[in-house]
Amino acid sequence: MFEICLPVILGGKCIPSTALFGQLLIGLINGSFYALLSLGLAVIFGMLNIINFSHGAQYMMGAFAAYLLLQFSGMNYWVALIVAPILVGVTGVLIERLLLQWLYKLDHLYGLLLTFGLALIIEGVARHYFGSAGLPYTVPESLQGGRNLGFMFLPNYRAWVIVASATVCFATWFVIERTRLGAYLRAATENPALVRAFGINVPRMITLTYGFGVALAAFAGVMAAPIYNVSPQMGSELIIVVFAVVVIGGMGSILGAILTGFGLGVVEGLTKVFFPEASNTVIFVIMAIVLLVRPAGLFGRRA
């Protein structure tokens, strides 16, 4: 494997190509999770006007659901990748029907407080039964190993995460922005009475939309399980960054959530190479600059 030293203006350092491409890969992986989670948040806010602060907890629920399915039923990763998001999505449907439907006409703050309380409850229950230490989840056998690309070693599972996330994200964007179903969803948020006139059950559509947004978070959690430890804190450690991604992309913007998620993951990874001290704050610095220049976000519509 060859190495190329890349000169860095600051400090006159040289960065080996292995380090650069390694951090770029990590940035793409983090960006994959940022994109999936911010997409779910954008779908829920754009369609329901609810700021879902329990999204991180539902991401964690997806990872735990996959872990429990593996431990107690022997269900493999590929089946859990389908079953776990459905199970967590069903809990989202119940939350919407029992709690959130009463808040749609109220200020956004009420939905934020309710979902924040739900996140604390879910995380507390998980910590009580499973402890704070992480639980292992093995990489599926079919995706173990990797490929030597010459300039870096690419683990198969990491490549799968990036491809799967991009596929799901852009498929969701296509359905919402380019299909009749997506047109009905967007119309239901702006003029529900007109959509009802076409014989469409708007409350059911809203419920399923929330369930789908939650299922996206759970899907990300299942894919994250073999990379990170399955722990009650995994969602709370990520959700603040994801909210920053959503704000930068534009609240409710589907395409903005996807592109900003992947883009900021790469920026964060490259920052760890060139200026490691700023890697934990670079996304929030970008958010502050974007809010000053364009308060609606990069892809958001001005009020």
C-alpha atoms as a PDB file:
ATOM      1  CA  MET A   1       0.000   0.000   0.000  1.00  0.00           C
ATOM      2  CA  PHE A   2       1.510   3.305  -1.056  1.00  0.00           C
ATOM      3  CA  GLU A   3       1.412   6.550   0.847  1.00  0.00           C
ATOM      4  CA  ILE A   4       1.440  10.108  -0.392  1.00  0.00           C
ATOM      5  CA  CYS A   5       2.222  12.931   1.973  1.00  0.00           C
ATOM      6  CA  LEU A   6      -0.074  15.851   1.420  1.00  0.00           C
ATOM      7  CA  PRO A   7       1.307  19.221   2.556  1.00  0.00           C
ATOM      8  CA  VAL A   8      -0.818  21.138   4.996  1.00  0.00           C
ATOM      9  CA  ILE A   9      -0.575  24.906   5.028  1.00  0.00           C
ATOM     10  CA  LEU A  10      -1.203  25.190   8.743  1.00  0.00           C
ATOM     11  CA  GLY A  11       1.978  24.174  10.538  1.00  0.00           C
ATOM     12  CA  GLY A  12       3.654  22.815   7.425  1.00  0.00           C
ATOM     13  CA  LYS A  13       2.699  19.221   8.302  1.00  0.00           C
ATOM     14  CA  CYS A  14       2.350  16.290   5.952  1.00  0.00           C
ATOM     15  CA  ILE A  15      -0.669  13.977   6.086  1.00  0.00           C
ATOM     16  CA  PRO A  16      -0.250  10.374   4.896  1.00  0.00           C
ATOM     17  CA  SER A  17      -2.836   9.385   2.311  1.00  0.00           C
ATOM     18  CA  THR A  18      -3.876   6.424   4.484  1.00  0.00           C
ATOM     19  CA  ALA A  19      -4.890   8.806   7.273  1.00  0.00           C
ATOM     20  CA  LEU A  20      -6.673  11.138   4.867  1.00  0.00           C
ATOM     21  CA  PHE A  21      -8.706   8.432   3.125  1.00  0.00           C
ATOM     22  CA  GLY A  22      -9.344   6.650   6.433  1.00  0.00           C
ATOM     23  CA  GLN A  23     -10.890   9.773   7.933  1.00  0.00           C
ATOM     24  CA  LEU A  24     -12.795  10.381   4.703  1.00  0.00           C
ATOM     25  CA  LEU A  25     -14.307   6.893   5.056  1.00  0.00           C
ATOM     26  CA  ILE A  26     -15.217   7.555   8.694  1.00  0.00           C
ATOM     27  CA  GLY A  27     -16.775  10.845   7.613  1.00  0.00           C
ATOM     28  CA  LEU A  28     -18.891   9.094   4.981  1.00  0.00           C
ATOM     29  CA  ILE A  29     -20.039   6.513   7.542  1.00  0.00           C
ATOM     30  CA  ASN A  30     -20.972   9.203  10.069  1.00  0.00           C
ATOM     31  CA  GLY A  31     -22.584  11.151   7.241  1.00  0.00           C
ATOM     32  CA  SER A  32     -24.672   8.098   6.362  1.00  0.00           C
ATOM     33  CA  PHE A  33     -26.171   8.064   9.853  1.00  0.00           C
ATOM     34  CA  TYR A  34     -26.539  11.857   9.902  1.00  0.00           C
ATOM     35  CA  ALA A  35     -28.410  11.688   6.580  1.00  0.00           C
ATOM     36  CA  LEU A  36     -30.765   8.870   7.639  1.00  0.00           C
ATOM     37  CA  LEU A  37     -31.592  10.432  10.993  1.00  0.00           C
ATOM     38  CA  SER A  38     -31.973  13.969   9.669  1.00  0.00           C
ATOM     39  CA  LEU A  39     -34.133  12.587   6.843  1.00  0.00           C
ATOM     40  CA  GLY A  40     -36.481  11.029   9.394  1.00  0.00           C
ATOM     41  CA  LEU A  41     -36.608  14.308  11.306  1.00  0.00           C
ATOM     42  CA  ALA A  42     -37.256  16.254   8.102  1.00  0.00           C
ATOM     43  CA  VAL A  43     -40.087  13.916   7.083  1.00  0.00           C
ATOM     44  CA  ILE A  44     -41.757  14.220  10.502  1.00  0.00           C
ATOM     45  CA  PHE A  45     -41.333  17.987  10.766  1.00  0.00           C
ATOM     46  CA  GLY A  46     -42.158  18.679   7.134  1.00  0.00           C
ATOM     47  CA  MET A  47     -45.336  16.606   7.173  1.00  0.00           C
ATOM     48  CA  LEU A  48     -46.470  16.895  10.806  1.00  0.00           C
ATOM     49  CA  ASN A  49     -44.783  20.066  12.111  1.00  0.00           C
ATOM     50  CA  ILE A  50     -43.515  18.082  15.106  1.00  0.00           C
ATOM     51  CA  ILE A  51     -39.914  18.488  16.314  1.00  0.00           C
ATOM     52  CA  ASN A  52     -39.268  14.871  17.243  1.00  0.00           C
ATOM     53  CA  PHE A  53     -36.665  15.004  20.011  1.00  0.00           C
ATOM     54  CA  SER A  54     -37.186  11.279  20.708  1.00  0.00           C
ATOM     55  CA  HIS A  55     -35.579  10.458  17.342  1.00  0.00           C
ATOM     56  CA  GLY A  56     -32.262   9.566  18.954  1.00  0.00           C
ATOM     57  CA  ALA A  57     -33.991   7.228  21.394  1.00  0.00           C
ATOM     58  CA  GLN A  58     -35.807   5.548  18.504  1.00  0.00           C
ATOM     59  CA  TYR A  59     -32.464   5.124  16.721  1.00  0.00           C
ATOM     60  CA  MET A  60     -31.226   3.405  19.881  1.00  0.00           C
ATOM     61  CA  MET A  61     -34.397   1.266  19.975  1.00  0.00           C
ATOM     62  CA  GLY A  62     -33.606  -0.001  16.476  1.00  0.00           C
ATOM     63  CA  ALA A  63     -30.147  -1.151  17.593  1.00  0.00           C
ATOM     64  CA  PHE A  64     -31.553  -2.817  20.720  1.00  0.00           C
ATOM     65  CA  ALA A  65     -34.351  -4.465  18.746  1.00  0.00           C
ATOM     66  CA  ALA A  66     -31.767  -6.010  16.405  1.00  0.00           C
ATOM     67  CA  TYR A  67     -29.673  -7.131  19.391  1.00  0.00           C
ATOM     68  CA  LEU A  68     -32.655  -8.752  21.144  1.00  0.00           C
ATOM     69  CA  LEU A  69     -33.841 -10.443  17.950  1.00  0.00           C
ATOM     70  CA  LEU A  70     -30.362 -11.922  17.525  1.00  0.00           C
ATOM     71  CA  GLN A  71     -29.996 -13.028  21.156  1.00  0.00           C
ATOM     72  CA  PHE A  72     -33.439 -14.489  21.829  1.00  0.00           C
ATOM     73  CA  SER A  73     -34.705 -15.651  18.458  1.00  0.00           C
ATOM     74  CA  GLY A  74     -31.471 -16.236  16.550  1.00  0.00           C
ATOM     75  CA  MET A  75     -32.668 -13.876  13.828  1.00  0.00           C
ATOM     76  CA  ASN A  76     -29.792 -12.881  11.550  1.00  0.00           C
ATOM     77  CA  TYR A  77     -28.791  -9.362  10.617  1.00  0.00           C
ATOM     78  CA  TRP A  78     -30.602  -9.293   7.271  1.00  0.00           C
ATOM     79  CA  VAL A  79     -33.963 -10.281   8.742  1.00  0.00           C
ATOM     80  CA  ALA A  80     -33.477  -7.898  11.683  1.00  0.00           C
ATOM     81  CA  LEU A  81     -32.759  -5.095   9.211  1.00  0.00           C
ATOM     82  CA  ILE A  82     -36.369  -5.432   8.060  1.00  0.00           C
ATOM     83  CA  VAL A  83     -38.147  -6.590  11.224  1.00  0.00           C
ATOM     84  CA  ALA A  84     -36.582  -4.166  13.738  1.00  0.00           C
ATOM     85  CA  PRO A  85     -37.563  -0.948  11.860  1.00  0.00           C
ATOM     86  CA  ILE A  86     -41.110  -2.293  11.468  1.00  0.00           C
ATOM     87  CA  LEU A  87     -41.386  -3.050  15.194  1.00  0.00           C
ATOM     88  CA  VAL A  88     -40.015   0.346  16.195  1.00  0.00           C
ATOM     89  CA  GLY A  89     -42.178   2.017  13.544  1.00  0.00           C
ATOM     90  CA  VAL A  90     -45.243   0.416  15.162  1.00  0.00           C
ATOM     91  CA  THR A  91     -44.277   1.993  18.495  1.00  0.00           C
ATOM     92  CA  GLY A  92     -44.065   5.300  16.630  1.00  0.00           C
ATOM     93  CA  VAL A  93     -47.591   4.780  15.313  1.00  0.00           C
ATOM     94  CA  LEU A  94     -48.828   4.177  18.860  1.00  0.00           C
ATOM     95  CA  ILE A  95     -47.055   7.308  20.122  1.00  0.00           C
ATOM     96  CA  GLU A  96     -48.615   9.397  17.364  1.00  0.00           C
ATOM     97  CA  ARG A  97     -52.126   8.040  17.935  1.00  0.00           C
ATOM     98  CA  LEU A  98     -52.043   8.216  21.733  1.00  0.00           C
ATOM     99  CA  LEU A  99     -50.061  11.419  22.307  1.00  0.00           C
ATOM    100  CA  LEU A 100     -48.910  13.510  19.371  1.00  0.00           C
ATOM    101  CA  GLN A 101     -52.213  13.868  17.514  1.00  0.00           C
ATOM    102  CA  TRP A 102     -53.428  16.241  20.223  1.00  0.00           C
ATOM    103  CA  LEU A 103     -50.520  18.661  19.685  1.00  0.00           C
ATOM    104  CA  TYR A 104     -50.676  19.461  15.959  1.00  0.00           C
ATOM    105  CA  LYS A 105     -52.546  22.737  16.403  1.00  0.00           C
ATOM    106  CA  LEU A 106     -50.422  23.866  19.330  1.00  0.00           C
ATOM    107  CA  ASP A 107     -47.045  25.571  19.396  1.00  0.00           C
ATOM    108  CA  HIS A 108     -44.011  23.502  18.325  1.00  0.00           C
ATOM    109  CA  LEU A 109     -42.668  23.759  21.874  1.00  0.00           C
ATOM    110  CA  TYR A 110     -45.308  21.325  23.188  1.00  0.00           C
ATOM    111  CA  GLY A 111     -44.289  18.605  20.767  1.00  0.00           C
ATOM    112  CA  LEU A 112     -40.625  19.241  21.539  1.00  0.00           C
ATOM    113  CA  LEU A 113     -41.201  18.910  25.298  1.00  0.00           C
ATOM    114  CA  LEU A 114     -43.317  15.766  24.910  1.00  0.00           C
ATOM    115  CA  THR A 115     -40.832  13.982  22.656  1.00  0.00           C
ATOM    116  CA  PHE A 116     -37.930  15.082  24.864  1.00  0.00           C
ATOM    117  CA  GLY A 117     -39.690  13.512  27.847  1.00  0.00           C
ATOM    118  CA  LEU A 118     -40.298  10.333  25.844  1.00  0.00           C
ATOM    119  CA  ALA A 119     -36.592  10.198  24.953  1.00  0.00           C
ATOM    120  CA  LEU A 120     -35.638  10.406  28.631  1.00  0.00           C
ATOM    121  CA  ILE A 121     -38.120   7.662  29.533  1.00  0.00           C
ATOM    122  CA  ILE A 122     -36.958   5.317  26.754  1.00  0.00           C
ATOM    123  CA  GLU A 123     -33.287   5.856  27.560  1.00  0.00           C
ATOM    124  CA  GLY A 124     -33.927   5.399  31.292  1.00  0.00           C
ATOM    125  CA  VAL A 125     -35.750   2.109  30.744  1.00  0.00           C
ATOM    126  CA  ALA A 126     -32.946   0.824  28.498  1.00  0.00           C
ATOM    127  CA  ARG A 127     -30.310   1.825  31.039  1.00  0.00           C
ATOM    128  CA  HIS A 128     -32.256   0.109  33.852  1.00  0.00           C
ATOM    129  CA  TYR A 129     -32.536  -3.240  32.053  1.00  0.00           C
ATOM    130  CA  PHE A 130     -29.280  -3.303  30.067  1.00  0.00           C
ATOM    131  CA  GLY A 131     -26.915  -1.057  32.009  1.00  0.00           C
ATOM    132  CA  SER A 132     -24.711   1.679  30.629  1.00  0.00           C
ATOM    133  CA  ALA A 133     -22.005  -0.553  29.172  1.00  0.00           C
ATOM    134  CA  GLY A 134     -22.195  -1.279  25.454  1.00  0.00           C
ATOM    135  CA  LEU A 135     -23.380  -4.627  24.121  1.00  0.00           C
ATOM    136  CA  PRO A 136     -21.621  -6.230  21.122  1.00  0.00           C
ATOM    137  CA  TYR A 137     -23.312  -6.997  17.808  1.00  0.00           C
ATOM    138  CA  THR A 138     -21.224  -8.899  15.306  1.00  0.00           C
ATOM    139  CA  VAL A 139     -20.836  -7.961  11.658  1.00  0.00           C
ATOM    140  CA  PRO A 140     -22.840 -10.373   9.441  1.00  0.00           C
ATOM    141  CA  GLU A 141     -20.671 -13.145   8.040  1.00  0.00           C
ATOM    142  CA  SER A 142     -21.411 -12.216   4.427  1.00  0.00           C
ATOM    143  CA  LEU A 143     -20.001  -8.704   4.985  1.00  0.00           C
ATOM    144  CA  GLN A 144     -16.914  -9.533   7.002  1.00  0.00           C
ATOM    145  CA  GLY A 145     -13.477  -8.717   5.649  1.00  0.00           C
ATOM    146  CA  GLY A 146     -12.668  -5.984   3.192  1.00  0.00           C
ATOM    147  CA  ARG A 147     -10.894  -4.925   0.036  1.00  0.00           C
ATOM    148  CA  ASN A 148      -7.437  -3.481  -0.445  1.00  0.00           C
ATOM    149  CA  LEU A 149      -7.864  -0.510  -2.787  1.00  0.00           C
ATOM    150  CA  GLY A 150      -4.165   0.279  -2.851  1.00  0.00           C
ATOM    151  CA  PHE A 151      -4.460   3.630  -1.106  1.00  0.00           C
ATOM    152  CA  MET A 152      -6.618   2.287   1.755  1.00  0.00           C
ATOM    153  CA  PHE A 153      -8.329  -0.804   3.147  1.00  0.00           C
ATOM    154  CA  LEU A 154     -12.127  -0.683   2.723  1.00  0.00           C
ATOM    155  CA  PRO A 155     -14.121  -2.903   5.110  1.00  0.00           C
ATOM    156  CA  ASN A 156     -17.067  -4.508   3.339  1.00  0.00           C
ATOM    157  CA  TYR A 157     -19.546  -3.615   6.063  1.00  0.00           C
ATOM    158  CA  ARG A 158     -18.607   0.066   5.994  1.00  0.00           C
ATOM    159  CA  ALA A 159     -19.081   0.149   2.238  1.00  0.00           C
ATOM    160  CA  TRP A 160     -22.486  -1.528   2.652  1.00  0.00           C
ATOM    161  CA  VAL A 161     -23.581   1.091   5.200  1.00  0.00           C
ATOM    162  CA  ILE A 162     -22.725   3.967   2.859  1.00  0.00           C
ATOM    163  CA  VAL A 163     -24.436   2.403  -0.179  1.00  0.00           C
ATOM    164  CA  ALA A 164     -27.543   1.286   1.754  1.00  0.00           C
ATOM    165  CA  SER A 165     -27.964   4.684   3.431  1.00  0.00           C
ATOM    166  CA  ALA A 166     -27.633   6.585   0.154  1.00  0.00           C
ATOM    167  CA  THR A 167     -30.100   4.223  -1.545  1.00  0.00           C
ATOM    168  CA  VAL A 168     -32.735   4.530   1.181  1.00  0.00           C
ATOM    169  CA  CYS A 169     -32.316   8.302   1.432  1.00  0.00           C
ATOM    170  CA  PHE A 170     -32.682   9.044  -2.264  1.00  0.00           C
ATOM    171  CA  ALA A 171     -35.500   6.487  -2.663  1.00  0.00           C
ATOM    172  CA  THR A 172     -37.387   8.316   0.093  1.00  0.00           C
ATOM    173  CA  TRP A 173     -36.739  11.661  -1.600  1.00  0.00           C
ATOM    174  CA  PHE A 174     -38.005  10.274  -4.917  1.00  0.00           C
ATOM    175  CA  VAL A 175     -41.221   8.918  -3.370  1.00  0.00           C
ATOM    176  CA  ILE A 176     -42.001  12.164  -1.547  1.00  0.00           C
ATOM    177  CA  GLU A 177     -41.033  14.599  -4.302  1.00  0.00           C
ATOM    178  CA  ARG A 178     -41.733  12.706  -7.539  1.00  0.00           C
ATOM    179  CA  THR A 179     -44.720  10.383  -6.975  1.00  0.00           C
ATOM    180  CA  ARG A 180     -48.463  10.794  -6.520  1.00  0.00           C
ATOM    181  CA  LEU A 181     -48.247   9.431  -2.979  1.00  0.00           C
ATOM    182  CA  GLY A 182     -45.704  12.105  -2.123  1.00  0.00           C
ATOM    183  CA  ALA A 183     -47.944  14.765  -3.649  1.00  0.00           C
ATOM    184  CA  TYR A 184     -50.818  13.593  -1.427  1.00  0.00           C
ATOM    185  CA  LEU A 185     -48.535  13.712   1.622  1.00  0.00           C
ATOM    186  CA  ARG A 186     -47.393  17.241   0.877  1.00  0.00           C
ATOM    187  CA  ALA A 187     -50.932  18.384   0.097  1.00  0.00           C
ATOM    188  CA  ALA A 188     -52.249  16.852   3.325  1.00  0.00           C
ATOM    189  CA  THR A 189     -49.974  19.108   5.365  1.00  0.00           C
ATOM    190  CA  GLU A 190     -51.089  22.288   3.598  1.00  0.00           C
ATOM    191  CA  ASN A 191     -54.771  21.648   2.823  1.00  0.00           C
ATOM    192  CA  PRO A 192     -56.081  18.525   4.589  1.00  0.00           C
ATOM    193  CA  ALA A 193     -59.717  19.379   3.809  1.00  0.00           C
ATOM    194  CA  LEU A 194     -59.030  19.293   0.065  1.00  0.00           C
ATOM    195  CA  VAL A 195     -57.216  15.947   0.345  1.00  0.00           C
ATOM    196  CA  ARG A 196     -60.127  14.490   2.325  1.00  0.00           C
ATOM    197  CA  ALA A 197     -62.392  15.504  -0.545  1.00  0.00           C
ATOM    198  CA  PHE A 198     -60.547  12.968  -2.703  1.00  0.00           C
ATOM    199  CA  GLY A 199     -61.527  10.208  -0.273  1.00  0.00           C
ATOM    200  CA  ILE A 200     -58.106   9.962   1.398  1.00  0.00           C
ATOM    201  CA  ASN A 201     -57.901   9.241   5.122  1.00  0.00           C
ATOM    202  CA  VAL A 202     -55.617  12.108   6.190  1.00  0.00           C
ATOM    203  CA  PRO A 203     -55.205  11.107   9.879  1.00  0.00           C
ATOM    204  CA  ARG A 204     -54.122   7.616   8.828  1.00  0.00           C
ATOM    205  CA  MET A 205     -51.670   9.100   6.319  1.00  0.00           C
ATOM    206  CA  ILE A 206     -50.183  11.340   9.023  1.00  0.00           C
ATOM    207  CA  THR A 207     -49.876   8.390  11.420  1.00  0.00           C
ATOM    208  CA  LEU A 208     -48.105   6.248   8.837  1.00  0.00           C
ATOM    209  CA  THR A 209     -45.808   9.159   7.965  1.00  0.00           C
ATOM    210  CA  TYR A 210     -44.692   9.465  11.581  1.00  0.00           C
ATOM    211  CA  GLY A 211     -44.244   5.706  11.793  1.00  0.00           C
ATOM    212  CA  PHE A 212     -42.113   5.785   8.632  1.00  0.00           C
ATOM    213  CA  GLY A 213     -39.911   8.559  10.018  1.00  0.00           C
ATOM    214  CA  VAL A 214     -39.384   6.543  13.198  1.00  0.00           C
ATOM    215  CA  ALA A 215     -38.641   3.416  11.138  1.00  0.00           C
ATOM    216  CA  LEU A 216     -35.891   5.340   9.308  1.00  0.00           C
ATOM    217  CA  ALA A 217     -34.242   6.069  12.659  1.00  0.00           C
ATOM    218  CA  ALA A 218     -34.529   2.410  13.656  1.00  0.00           C
ATOM    219  CA  PHE A 219     -33.072   1.325  10.307  1.00  0.00           C
ATOM    220  CA  ALA A 220     -30.052   3.526  11.005  1.00  0.00           C
ATOM    221  CA  GLY A 221     -29.801   1.980  14.481  1.00  0.00           C
ATOM    222  CA  VAL A 222     -29.696  -1.572  13.093  1.00  0.00           C
ATOM    223  CA  MET A 223     -26.930  -0.623  10.667  1.00  0.00           C
ATOM    224  CA  ALA A 224     -25.006   1.152  13.442  1.00  0.00           C
ATOM    225  CA  ALA A 225     -25.150  -1.853  15.807  1.00  0.00           C
ATOM    226  CA  PRO A 226     -22.169  -3.754  14.304  1.00  0.00           C
ATOM    227  CA  ILE A 227     -20.054  -0.565  14.111  1.00  0.00           C
ATOM    228  CA  TYR A 228     -20.731   0.950  17.536  1.00  0.00           C
ATOM    229  CA  ASN A 229     -21.630  -0.727  20.798  1.00  0.00           C
ATOM    230  CA  VAL A 230     -25.366  -1.059  21.382  1.00  0.00           C
ATOM    231  CA  SER A 231     -25.906   1.208  24.377  1.00  0.00           C
ATOM    232  CA  PRO A 232     -28.669   3.402  25.863  1.00  0.00           C
ATOM    233  CA  GLN A 233     -26.560   6.526  25.268  1.00  0.00           C
ATOM    234  CA  MET A 234     -25.937   5.968  21.559  1.00  0.00           C
ATOM    235  CA  GLY A 235     -28.931   8.078  20.516  1.00  0.00           C
ATOM    236  CA  SER A 236     -28.421  10.980  22.915  1.00  0.00           C
ATOM    237  CA  GLU A 237     -24.790  11.294  21.819  1.00  0.00           C
ATOM    238  CA  LEU A 238     -25.864  11.729  18.199  1.00  0.00           C
ATOM    239  CA  ILE A 239     -29.154  13.595  18.212  1.00  0.00           C
ATOM    240  CA  ILE A 240     -27.732  17.084  18.932  1.00  0.00           C
ATOM    241  CA  VAL A 241     -25.436  16.839  15.911  1.00  0.00           C
ATOM    242  CA  VAL A 242     -28.334  15.569  13.787  1.00  0.00           C
ATOM    243  CA  PHE A 243     -30.490  18.534  14.796  1.00  0.00           C
ATOM    244  CA  ALA A 244     -27.646  20.832  13.743  1.00  0.00           C
ATOM    245  CA  VAL A 245     -27.557  19.029  10.380  1.00  0.00           C
ATOM    246  CA  VAL A 246     -31.308  19.532   9.951  1.00  0.00           C
ATOM    247  CA  VAL A 247     -31.042  23.245  10.786  1.00  0.00           C
ATOM    248  CA  ILE A 248     -28.196  23.717   8.292  1.00  0.00           C
ATOM    249  CA  GLY A 249     -30.060  21.845   5.553  1.00  0.00           C
ATOM    250  CA  GLY A 250     -33.362  23.571   6.277  1.00  0.00           C
ATOM    251  CA  MET A 251     -36.142  22.340   8.563  1.00  0.00           C
ATOM    252  CA  GLY A 252     -38.480  20.126   6.587  1.00  0.00           C
ATOM    253  CA  SER A 253     -36.282  19.956   3.478  1.00  0.00           C
ATOM    254  CA  ILE A 254     -35.891  16.321   2.385  1.00  0.00           C
ATOM    255  CA  LEU A 255     -33.090  16.902  -0.105  1.00  0.00           C
ATOM    256  CA  GLY A 256     -31.400  19.326   2.272  1.00  0.00           C
ATOM    257  CA  ALA A 257     -31.324  16.727   5.040  1.00  0.00           C
ATOM    258  CA  ILE A 258     -29.722  14.124   2.759  1.00  0.00           C
ATOM    259  CA  LEU A 259     -27.080  16.283   1.098  1.00  0.00           C
ATOM    260  CA  THR A 260     -26.204  18.148   4.286  1.00  0.00           C
ATOM    261  CA  GLY A 261     -25.936  14.919   6.278  1.00  0.00           C
ATOM    262  CA  PHE A 262     -23.431  13.323   3.908  1.00  0.00           C
ATOM    263  CA  GLY A 263     -21.601  16.605   3.292  1.00  0.00           C
ATOM    264  CA  LEU A 264     -21.123  17.491   6.956  1.00  0.00           C
ATOM    265  CA  GLY A 265     -19.986  13.953   7.740  1.00  0.00           C
ATOM    266  CA  VAL A 266     -17.194  14.392   5.182  1.00  0.00           C
ATOM    267  CA  VAL A 267     -16.347  17.868   6.511  1.00  0.00           C
ATOM    268  CA  GLU A 268     -16.146  16.512  10.043  1.00  0.00           C
ATOM    269  CA  GLY A 269     -13.885  13.652   8.920  1.00  0.00           C
ATOM    270  CA  LEU A 270     -11.526  15.938   7.011  1.00  0.00           C
ATOM    271  CA  THR A 271     -11.397  18.351   9.952  1.00  0.00           C
ATOM    272  CA  LYS A 272     -10.053  15.506  12.105  1.00  0.00           C
ATOM    273  CA  VAL A 273      -7.136  15.257   9.676  1.00  0.00           C
ATOM    274  CA  PHE A 274      -6.254  18.924   9.161  1.00  0.00           C
ATOM    275  CA  PHE A 275      -7.447  20.537  12.415  1.00  0.00           C
ATOM    276  CA  PRO A 276      -8.351  17.853  15.012  1.00  0.00           C
ATOM    277  CA  GLU A 277      -9.064  20.381  17.766  1.00  0.00           C
ATOM    278  CA  ALA A 278     -12.071  21.703  15.843  1.00  0.00           C
ATOM    279  CA  SER A 279     -13.562  18.348  14.802  1.00  0.00           C
ATOM    280  CA  ASN A 280     -16.132  18.307  17.627  1.00  0.00           C
ATOM    281  CA  THR A 281     -17.350  21.834  16.971  1.00  0.00           C
ATOM    282  CA  VAL A 282     -17.021  22.358  13.208  1.00  0.00           C
ATOM    283  CA  ILE A 283     -20.655  21.383  12.498  1.00  0.00           C
ATOM    284  CA  PHE A 284     -21.947  23.858  15.090  1.00  0.00           C
ATOM    285  CA  VAL A 285     -19.685  26.619  13.736  1.00  0.00           C
ATOM    286  CA  ILE A 286     -21.122  25.959  10.264  1.00  0.00           C
ATOM    287  CA  MET A 287     -24.634  26.033  11.743  1.00  0.00           C
ATOM    288  CA  ALA A 288     -24.003  29.435  13.330  1.00  0.00           C
ATOM    289  CA  ILE A 289     -22.663  30.851  10.051  1.00  0.00           C
ATOM    290  CA  VAL A 290     -25.591  29.457   8.043  1.00  0.00           C
ATOM    291  CA  LEU A 291     -28.133  30.878  10.504  1.00  0.00           C
ATOM    292  CA  LEU A 292     -26.507  34.298  10.201  1.00  0.00           C
ATOM    293  CA  VAL A 293     -26.450  34.250   6.405  1.00  0.00           C
ATOM    294  CA  ARG A 294     -29.553  32.183   5.604  1.00  0.00           C
ATOM    295  CA  PRO A 295     -31.811  31.568   8.634  1.00  0.00           C
ATOM    296  CA  ALA A 296     -34.072  29.180   6.672  1.00  0.00           C
ATOM    297  CA  GLY A 297     -31.133  26.832   6.007  1.00  0.00           C
ATOM    298  CA  LEU A 298     -29.261  26.028   2.821  1.00  0.00           C
ATOM    299  CA  PHE A 299     -32.209  24.258   1.185  1.00  0.00           C
ATOM    300  CA  GLY A 300     -35.082  25.652   3.265  1.00  0.00           C
ATOM    301  CA  ARG A 301     -37.746  27.980   1.986  1.00  0.00           C
ATOM    302  CA  ARG A 302     -37.925  31.475   3.421  1.00  0.00           C
ATOM    303  CA  ALA A 303     -41.024  32.099   5.531  1.00  0.00           C
END
